[in-house]
Amino acid sequence: MIKTKKKEFDITFVSTKTNQSLIEVKLKSEGEGEGKVFFYNYNFPGLNLNCDIVKEKEELAIHEVVCKFNLINQFGLDTGMVETFVTIKGSYKKKLTDEINTAGNFLVVERDKTKQIVFIGNDIYQDDKIIGTYDEISIESPTGTLKQIQVNNTMKQMICLSTEIKQGGHVWRTLTKRDNKYIELKSKDKRELEVLILFLIDNNYL
């Protein structure tokens, strides 16, 4: 079970079982005068993760955000969903910098996209040109160990984060960093990486 503690604009989600803080949400600001921006910082102390959401006139209430992104389940924090949430939202200060460099950061290598995709180590090649890299790791979740794939372009910018929804399943929850879009990808015969890369290429992410 989960309870909440509220202090002015700040809310803390606490586990009634362990009495540990699961999510700490605080209202912060950046800038001065008319350019001052308010944002909520979502901190997950048990995972050493945090991210920001800009406060807007029609923003979702904190409880709605937690429910919308399924950050908490019957066991406590949903590790996979929290990591996805943090990846999508990121740091407000970092976003300011990224906005300036977006075009360069998400540069797509010019090549013949009809050529075969080749994997050499963790590098991804097409038309004899390196177009990006990938890392495959395992993360722990309440339902068990899940596979996760992160794809970066040649500018070392993360293009997407893809996590299997169910252990040993063939459906992956994929989030594209450039536009923060979510899609489910289905694969067969353990071809998750190839299916993911083809999707990124076909949609001009890579």
C-alpha atoms as a PDB file:
ATOM      1  CA  MET A   1       0.000   0.000   0.000  1.00  0.00           C
ATOM      2  CA  ILE A   2       1.065   3.588  -0.678  1.00  0.00           C
ATOM      3  CA  LYS A   3       0.389   6.765   1.291  1.00  0.00           C
ATOM      4  CA  THR A   4       1.217  10.364   0.445  1.00  0.00           C
ATOM      5  CA  LYS A   5       2.620  13.230   2.465  1.00  0.00           C
ATOM      6  CA  LYS A   6       2.012  16.791   1.294  1.00  0.00           C
ATOM      7  CA  LYS A   7       3.883  19.976   2.201  1.00  0.00           C
ATOM      8  CA  GLU A   8       2.797  23.072   0.284  1.00  0.00           C
ATOM      9  CA  PHE A   9       3.475  22.161  -3.387  1.00  0.00           C
ATOM     10  CA  ASP A  10       5.602  19.104  -2.557  1.00  0.00           C
ATOM     11  CA  ILE A  11       4.294  15.527  -2.361  1.00  0.00           C
ATOM     12  CA  THR A  12       6.035  12.358  -1.189  1.00  0.00           C
ATOM     13  CA  PHE A  13       4.771   8.846  -1.982  1.00  0.00           C
ATOM     14  CA  VAL A  14       5.649   6.482   0.860  1.00  0.00           C
ATOM     15  CA  SER A  15       5.399   2.701   1.125  1.00  0.00           C
ATOM     16  CA  THR A  16       3.257   1.759   4.133  1.00  0.00           C
ATOM     17  CA  LYS A  17       5.051  -1.595   4.216  1.00  0.00           C
ATOM     18  CA  THR A  18       8.627  -0.283   4.540  1.00  0.00           C
ATOM     19  CA  ASN A  19       7.910   3.397   5.350  1.00  0.00           C
ATOM     20  CA  GLN A  20      10.454   4.328   2.665  1.00  0.00           C
ATOM     21  CA  SER A  21       9.975   7.237   0.280  1.00  0.00           C
ATOM     22  CA  LEU A  22       9.290   5.911  -3.211  1.00  0.00           C
ATOM     23  CA  ILE A  23       8.765   9.196  -5.075  1.00  0.00           C
ATOM     24  CA  GLU A  24       9.569  12.715  -3.888  1.00  0.00           C
ATOM     25  CA  VAL A  25       8.055  15.510  -5.991  1.00  0.00           C
ATOM     26  CA  LYS A  26       9.177  19.106  -5.426  1.00  0.00           C
ATOM     27  CA  LEU A  27       8.291  22.345  -7.222  1.00  0.00           C
ATOM     28  CA  LYS A  28      11.426  24.159  -8.432  1.00  0.00           C
ATOM     29  CA  SER A  29      12.210  27.096 -10.712  1.00  0.00           C
ATOM     30  CA  GLU A  30      14.835  28.234 -13.205  1.00  0.00           C
ATOM     31  CA  GLY A  31      15.557  31.761 -14.462  1.00  0.00           C
ATOM     32  CA  GLU A  32      14.413  35.204 -13.331  1.00  0.00           C
ATOM     33  CA  GLY A  33      11.609  37.682 -14.081  1.00  0.00           C
ATOM     34  CA  GLU A  34       9.393  37.004 -17.078  1.00  0.00           C
ATOM     35  CA  GLY A  35      11.688  34.198 -18.163  1.00  0.00           C
ATOM     36  CA  LYS A  36      11.286  32.289 -14.915  1.00  0.00           C
ATOM     37  CA  VAL A  37      10.079  28.728 -15.445  1.00  0.00           C
ATOM     38  CA  PHE A  38       8.560  26.482 -12.769  1.00  0.00           C
ATOM     39  CA  PHE A  39       8.934  22.722 -12.978  1.00  0.00           C
ATOM     40  CA  TYR A  40       8.317  19.639 -10.850  1.00  0.00           C
ATOM     41  CA  ASN A  41      11.299  17.479  -9.978  1.00  0.00           C
ATOM     42  CA  TYR A  42      10.395  13.792  -9.611  1.00  0.00           C
ATOM     43  CA  ASN A  43      13.030  12.070  -7.479  1.00  0.00           C
ATOM     44  CA  PHE A  44      13.229   8.305  -6.957  1.00  0.00           C
ATOM     45  CA  PRO A  45      15.635   7.976  -3.997  1.00  0.00           C
ATOM     46  CA  GLY A  46      15.721   4.178  -3.993  1.00  0.00           C
ATOM     47  CA  LEU A  47      16.867   4.102  -7.633  1.00  0.00           C
ATOM     48  CA  ASN A  48      19.016   7.250  -7.585  1.00  0.00           C
ATOM     49  CA  LEU A  49      17.026   8.619 -10.532  1.00  0.00           C
ATOM     50  CA  ASN A  50      15.225  11.913 -11.100  1.00  0.00           C
ATOM     51  CA  CYS A  51      13.650  13.989 -13.851  1.00  0.00           C
ATOM     52  CA  ASP A  52      11.697  17.216 -14.401  1.00  0.00           C
ATOM     53  CA  ILE A  53       8.283  18.186 -15.792  1.00  0.00           C
ATOM     54  CA  VAL A  54       7.634  21.835 -16.653  1.00  0.00           C
ATOM     55  CA  LYS A  55       4.638  23.305 -14.790  1.00  0.00           C
ATOM     56  CA  GLU A  56       2.059  24.482 -17.305  1.00  0.00           C
ATOM     57  CA  LYS A  57      -1.454  25.907 -17.017  1.00  0.00           C
ATOM     58  CA  GLU A  58      -3.068  22.634 -18.050  1.00  0.00           C
ATOM     59  CA  GLU A  59      -0.484  20.254 -16.605  1.00  0.00           C
ATOM     60  CA  LEU A  60      -1.542  16.919 -15.141  1.00  0.00           C
ATOM     61  CA  ALA A  61      -1.757  16.739 -11.362  1.00  0.00           C
ATOM     62  CA  ILE A  62       1.098  14.858  -9.716  1.00  0.00           C
ATOM     63  CA  HIS A  63      -1.112  11.890  -8.841  1.00  0.00           C
ATOM     64  CA  GLU A  64      -2.340  11.767 -12.458  1.00  0.00           C
ATOM     65  CA  VAL A  65       1.245  11.675 -13.736  1.00  0.00           C
ATOM     66  CA  VAL A  66       2.093   8.773 -11.425  1.00  0.00           C
ATOM     67  CA  CYS A  67      -0.980   6.868 -12.656  1.00  0.00           C
ATOM     68  CA  LYS A  68      -0.544   7.756 -16.349  1.00  0.00           C
ATOM     69  CA  PHE A  69       3.017   6.431 -16.447  1.00  0.00           C
ATOM     70  CA  ASN A  70       2.259   3.450 -14.160  1.00  0.00           C
ATOM     71  CA  LEU A  71       5.138   4.353 -11.848  1.00  0.00           C
ATOM     72  CA  ILE A  72       3.680   2.405  -8.933  1.00  0.00           C
ATOM     73  CA  ASN A  73       2.192  -1.084  -8.906  1.00  0.00           C
ATOM     74  CA  GLN A  74       1.082  -3.514  -6.194  1.00  0.00           C
ATOM     75  CA  PHE A  75       4.693  -4.255  -5.262  1.00  0.00           C
ATOM     76  CA  GLY A  76       5.878  -0.631  -5.028  1.00  0.00           C
ATOM     77  CA  LEU A  77       7.849   1.163  -7.744  1.00  0.00           C
ATOM     78  CA  ASP A  78       7.712  -0.345 -11.213  1.00  0.00           C
ATOM     79  CA  THR A  79      11.420  -0.165 -12.043  1.00  0.00           C
ATOM     80  CA  GLY A  80      11.001  -0.503 -15.794  1.00  0.00           C
ATOM     81  CA  MET A  81       8.314   2.168 -16.028  1.00  0.00           C
ATOM     82  CA  VAL A  82      10.298   4.542 -13.785  1.00  0.00           C
ATOM     83  CA  GLU A  83      13.408   4.197 -15.972  1.00  0.00           C
ATOM     84  CA  THR A  84      11.300   4.842 -19.053  1.00  0.00           C
ATOM     85  CA  PHE A  85       9.633   7.857 -17.419  1.00  0.00           C
ATOM     86  CA  VAL A  86      12.985   9.364 -16.400  1.00  0.00           C
ATOM     87  CA  THR A  87      14.376   8.789 -19.888  1.00  0.00           C
ATOM     88  CA  ILE A  88      11.400  10.525 -21.522  1.00  0.00           C
ATOM     89  CA  LYS A  89      11.272  13.539 -19.210  1.00  0.00           C
ATOM     90  CA  GLY A  90      14.973  14.076 -18.488  1.00  0.00           C
ATOM     91  CA  SER A  91      16.473  17.142 -16.855  1.00  0.00           C
ATOM     92  CA  TYR A  92      14.982  20.590 -17.554  1.00  0.00           C
ATOM     93  CA  LYS A  93      18.415  22.248 -17.663  1.00  0.00           C
ATOM     94  CA  LYS A  94      19.688  19.596 -20.048  1.00  0.00           C
ATOM     95  CA  LYS A  95      16.649  20.112 -22.282  1.00  0.00           C
ATOM     96  CA  LEU A  96      17.528  23.807 -22.649  1.00  0.00           C
ATOM     97  CA  THR A  97      20.948  22.835 -23.956  1.00  0.00           C
ATOM     98  CA  ASP A  98      19.586  20.032 -26.121  1.00  0.00           C
ATOM     99  CA  GLU A  99      17.094  22.344 -27.840  1.00  0.00           C
ATOM    100  CA  ILE A 100      19.984  24.422 -29.143  1.00  0.00           C
ATOM    101  CA  ASN A 101      21.796  21.384 -30.487  1.00  0.00           C
ATOM    102  CA  THR A 102      18.859  19.238 -31.602  1.00  0.00           C
ATOM    103  CA  ALA A 103      19.551  19.373 -35.324  1.00  0.00           C
ATOM    104  CA  GLY A 104      23.178  18.368 -34.886  1.00  0.00           C
ATOM    105  CA  ASN A 105      22.506  15.807 -32.165  1.00  0.00           C
ATOM    106  CA  PHE A 106      20.018  13.846 -34.259  1.00  0.00           C
ATOM    107  CA  LEU A 107      21.942  13.972 -37.522  1.00  0.00           C
ATOM    108  CA  VAL A 108      21.185  10.963 -39.742  1.00  0.00           C
ATOM    109  CA  VAL A 109      24.115   9.586 -41.749  1.00  0.00           C
ATOM    110  CA  GLU A 110      23.596   9.853 -45.509  1.00  0.00           C
ATOM    111  CA  ARG A 111      23.792   6.443 -47.202  1.00  0.00           C
ATOM    112  CA  ASP A 112      21.840   3.964 -49.302  1.00  0.00           C
ATOM    113  CA  LYS A 113      19.145   2.746 -46.903  1.00  0.00           C
ATOM    114  CA  THR A 114      18.330  -0.214 -49.137  1.00  0.00           C
ATOM    115  CA  LYS A 115      21.666  -1.827 -48.257  1.00  0.00           C
ATOM    116  CA  GLN A 116      21.951  -4.636 -45.727  1.00  0.00           C
ATOM    117  CA  ILE A 117      22.375  -3.838 -42.031  1.00  0.00           C
ATOM    118  CA  VAL A 118      25.581  -5.224 -40.526  1.00  0.00           C
ATOM    119  CA  PHE A 119      26.466  -5.539 -36.835  1.00  0.00           C
ATOM    120  CA  ILE A 120      30.143  -5.515 -35.877  1.00  0.00           C
ATOM    121  CA  GLY A 121      30.540  -5.664 -32.119  1.00  0.00           C
ATOM    122  CA  ASN A 122      28.192  -2.965 -30.831  1.00  0.00           C
ATOM    123  CA  ASP A 123      28.474  -0.871 -33.996  1.00  0.00           C
ATOM    124  CA  ILE A 124      25.714  -0.689 -36.611  1.00  0.00           C
ATOM    125  CA  TYR A 125      26.716  -0.385 -40.291  1.00  0.00           C
ATOM    126  CA  GLN A 126      24.786   0.184 -43.502  1.00  0.00           C
ATOM    127  CA  ASP A 127      26.220   0.858 -46.953  1.00  0.00           C
ATOM    128  CA  ASP A 128      29.717   0.375 -45.412  1.00  0.00           C
ATOM    129  CA  LYS A 129      29.108   3.362 -43.112  1.00  0.00           C
ATOM    130  CA  ILE A 130      28.715   3.329 -39.354  1.00  0.00           C
ATOM    131  CA  ILE A 131      25.263   4.723 -38.524  1.00  0.00           C
ATOM    132  CA  GLY A 132      25.125   4.150 -34.763  1.00  0.00           C
ATOM    133  CA  THR A 133      25.820   1.876 -31.811  1.00  0.00           C
ATOM    134  CA  TYR A 134      23.735  -0.159 -29.388  1.00  0.00           C
ATOM    135  CA  ASP A 135      23.962  -1.519 -25.855  1.00  0.00           C
ATOM    136  CA  GLU A 136      21.927  -4.433 -24.538  1.00  0.00           C
ATOM    137  CA  ILE A 137      21.529  -4.787 -20.772  1.00  0.00           C
ATOM    138  CA  SER A 138      19.264  -6.491 -18.238  1.00  0.00           C
ATOM    139  CA  ILE A 139      17.138  -4.608 -15.712  1.00  0.00           C
ATOM    140  CA  GLU A 140      15.279  -5.886 -12.681  1.00  0.00           C
ATOM    141  CA  SER A 141      11.516  -5.419 -12.423  1.00  0.00           C
ATOM    142  CA  PRO A 142       8.781  -6.782 -10.140  1.00  0.00           C
ATOM    143  CA  THR A 143       7.999  -9.379 -12.838  1.00  0.00           C
ATOM    144  CA  GLY A 144      11.602 -10.517 -13.227  1.00  0.00           C
ATOM    145  CA  THR A 145      14.681  -9.680 -15.282  1.00  0.00           C
ATOM    146  CA  LEU A 146      13.903  -7.807 -18.512  1.00  0.00           C
ATOM    147  CA  LYS A 147      16.068  -7.085 -21.537  1.00  0.00           C
ATOM    148  CA  GLN A 148      16.637  -3.496 -22.599  1.00  0.00           C
ATOM    149  CA  ILE A 149      18.297  -2.078 -25.718  1.00  0.00           C
ATOM    150  CA  GLN A 150      19.607   1.482 -26.061  1.00  0.00           C
ATOM    151  CA  VAL A 151      20.516   2.775 -29.519  1.00  0.00           C
ATOM    152  CA  ASN A 152      22.796   5.804 -30.040  1.00  0.00           C
ATOM    153  CA  ASN A 153      23.648   7.605 -33.270  1.00  0.00           C
ATOM    154  CA  THR A 154      27.120   8.609 -34.436  1.00  0.00           C
ATOM    155  CA  MET A 155      26.851  11.822 -32.385  1.00  0.00           C
ATOM    156  CA  LYS A 156      26.567   9.645 -29.241  1.00  0.00           C
ATOM    157  CA  GLN A 157      22.999  10.892 -28.853  1.00  0.00           C
ATOM    158  CA  MET A 158      20.508   8.338 -27.563  1.00  0.00           C
ATOM    159  CA  ILE A 159      17.985   7.583 -30.305  1.00  0.00           C
ATOM    160  CA  CYS A 160      15.733   5.195 -28.438  1.00  0.00           C
ATOM    161  CA  LEU A 161      15.285   2.990 -25.391  1.00  0.00           C
ATOM    162  CA  SER A 162      13.488  -0.307 -25.946  1.00  0.00           C
ATOM    163  CA  THR A 163      12.440  -2.647 -23.122  1.00  0.00           C
ATOM    164  CA  GLU A 164      10.664  -5.985 -23.354  1.00  0.00           C
ATOM    165  CA  ILE A 165       7.268  -5.804 -21.695  1.00  0.00           C
ATOM    166  CA  LYS A 166       7.262  -9.397 -20.440  1.00  0.00           C
ATOM    167  CA  GLN A 167      10.184 -11.667 -19.631  1.00  0.00           C
ATOM    168  CA  GLY A 168      10.844 -13.907 -22.609  1.00  0.00           C
ATOM    169  CA  GLY A 169       8.112 -12.204 -24.640  1.00  0.00           C
ATOM    170  CA  HIS A 170       8.426 -10.702 -28.094  1.00  0.00           C
ATOM    171  CA  VAL A 171       6.743  -7.329 -27.515  1.00  0.00           C
ATOM    172  CA  TRP A 172       8.975  -4.367 -26.715  1.00  0.00           C
ATOM    173  CA  ARG A 173       8.094  -0.943 -25.301  1.00  0.00           C
ATOM    174  CA  THR A 174      10.079   1.501 -27.436  1.00  0.00           C
ATOM    175  CA  LEU A 175      10.545   5.215 -26.790  1.00  0.00           C
ATOM    176  CA  THR A 176      12.160   7.503 -29.369  1.00  0.00           C
ATOM    177  CA  LYS A 177      14.181  10.290 -27.762  1.00  0.00           C
ATOM    178  CA  ARG A 178      13.949  12.895 -30.534  1.00  0.00           C
ATOM    179  CA  ASP A 179      10.187  13.291 -30.290  1.00  0.00           C
ATOM    180  CA  ASN A 180       9.371  11.336 -27.107  1.00  0.00           C
ATOM    181  CA  LYS A 181       7.027   8.990 -28.939  1.00  0.00           C
ATOM    182  CA  TYR A 182       6.027   5.564 -27.676  1.00  0.00           C
ATOM    183  CA  ILE A 183       5.424   2.478 -29.779  1.00  0.00           C
ATOM    184  CA  GLU A 184       5.186  -1.265 -29.209  1.00  0.00           C
ATOM    185  CA  LEU A 185       7.348  -3.400 -31.496  1.00  0.00           C
ATOM    186  CA  LYS A 186       6.784  -7.114 -32.030  1.00  0.00           C
ATOM    187  CA  SER A 187       9.568  -9.486 -32.995  1.00  0.00           C
ATOM    188  CA  LYS A 188       9.949 -13.188 -33.739  1.00  0.00           C
ATOM    189  CA  ASP A 189      12.751 -15.717 -33.407  1.00  0.00           C
ATOM    190  CA  LYS A 190      14.814 -13.459 -31.105  1.00  0.00           C
ATOM    191  CA  ARG A 191      15.311 -10.828 -33.853  1.00  0.00           C
ATOM    192  CA  GLU A 192      14.509  -7.933 -31.508  1.00  0.00           C
ATOM    193  CA  LEU A 193      17.583  -5.889 -32.401  1.00  0.00           C
ATOM    194  CA  GLU A 194      17.116  -6.212 -36.158  1.00  0.00           C
ATOM    195  CA  VAL A 195      13.407  -5.317 -35.944  1.00  0.00           C
ATOM    196  CA  LEU A 196      14.242  -2.279 -33.787  1.00  0.00           C
ATOM    197  CA  ILE A 197      16.980  -0.993 -36.120  1.00  0.00           C
ATOM    198  CA  LEU A 198      14.784  -1.439 -39.204  1.00  0.00           C
ATOM    199  CA  PHE A 199      12.016   0.546 -37.508  1.00  0.00           C
ATOM    200  CA  LEU A 200      14.459   3.375 -36.661  1.00  0.00           C
ATOM    201  CA  ILE A 201      15.824   3.469 -40.206  1.00  0.00           C
ATOM    202  CA  ASP A 202      12.406   3.341 -41.893  1.00  0.00           C
ATOM    203  CA  ASN A 203      11.194   6.247 -39.740  1.00  0.00           C
ATOM    204  CA  ASN A 204      14.354   8.339 -40.245  1.00  0.00           C
ATOM    205  CA  TYR A 205      15.515   8.175 -36.627  1.00  0.00           C
ATOM    206  CA  LEU A 206      18.795   6.498 -37.616  1.00  0.00           C
END
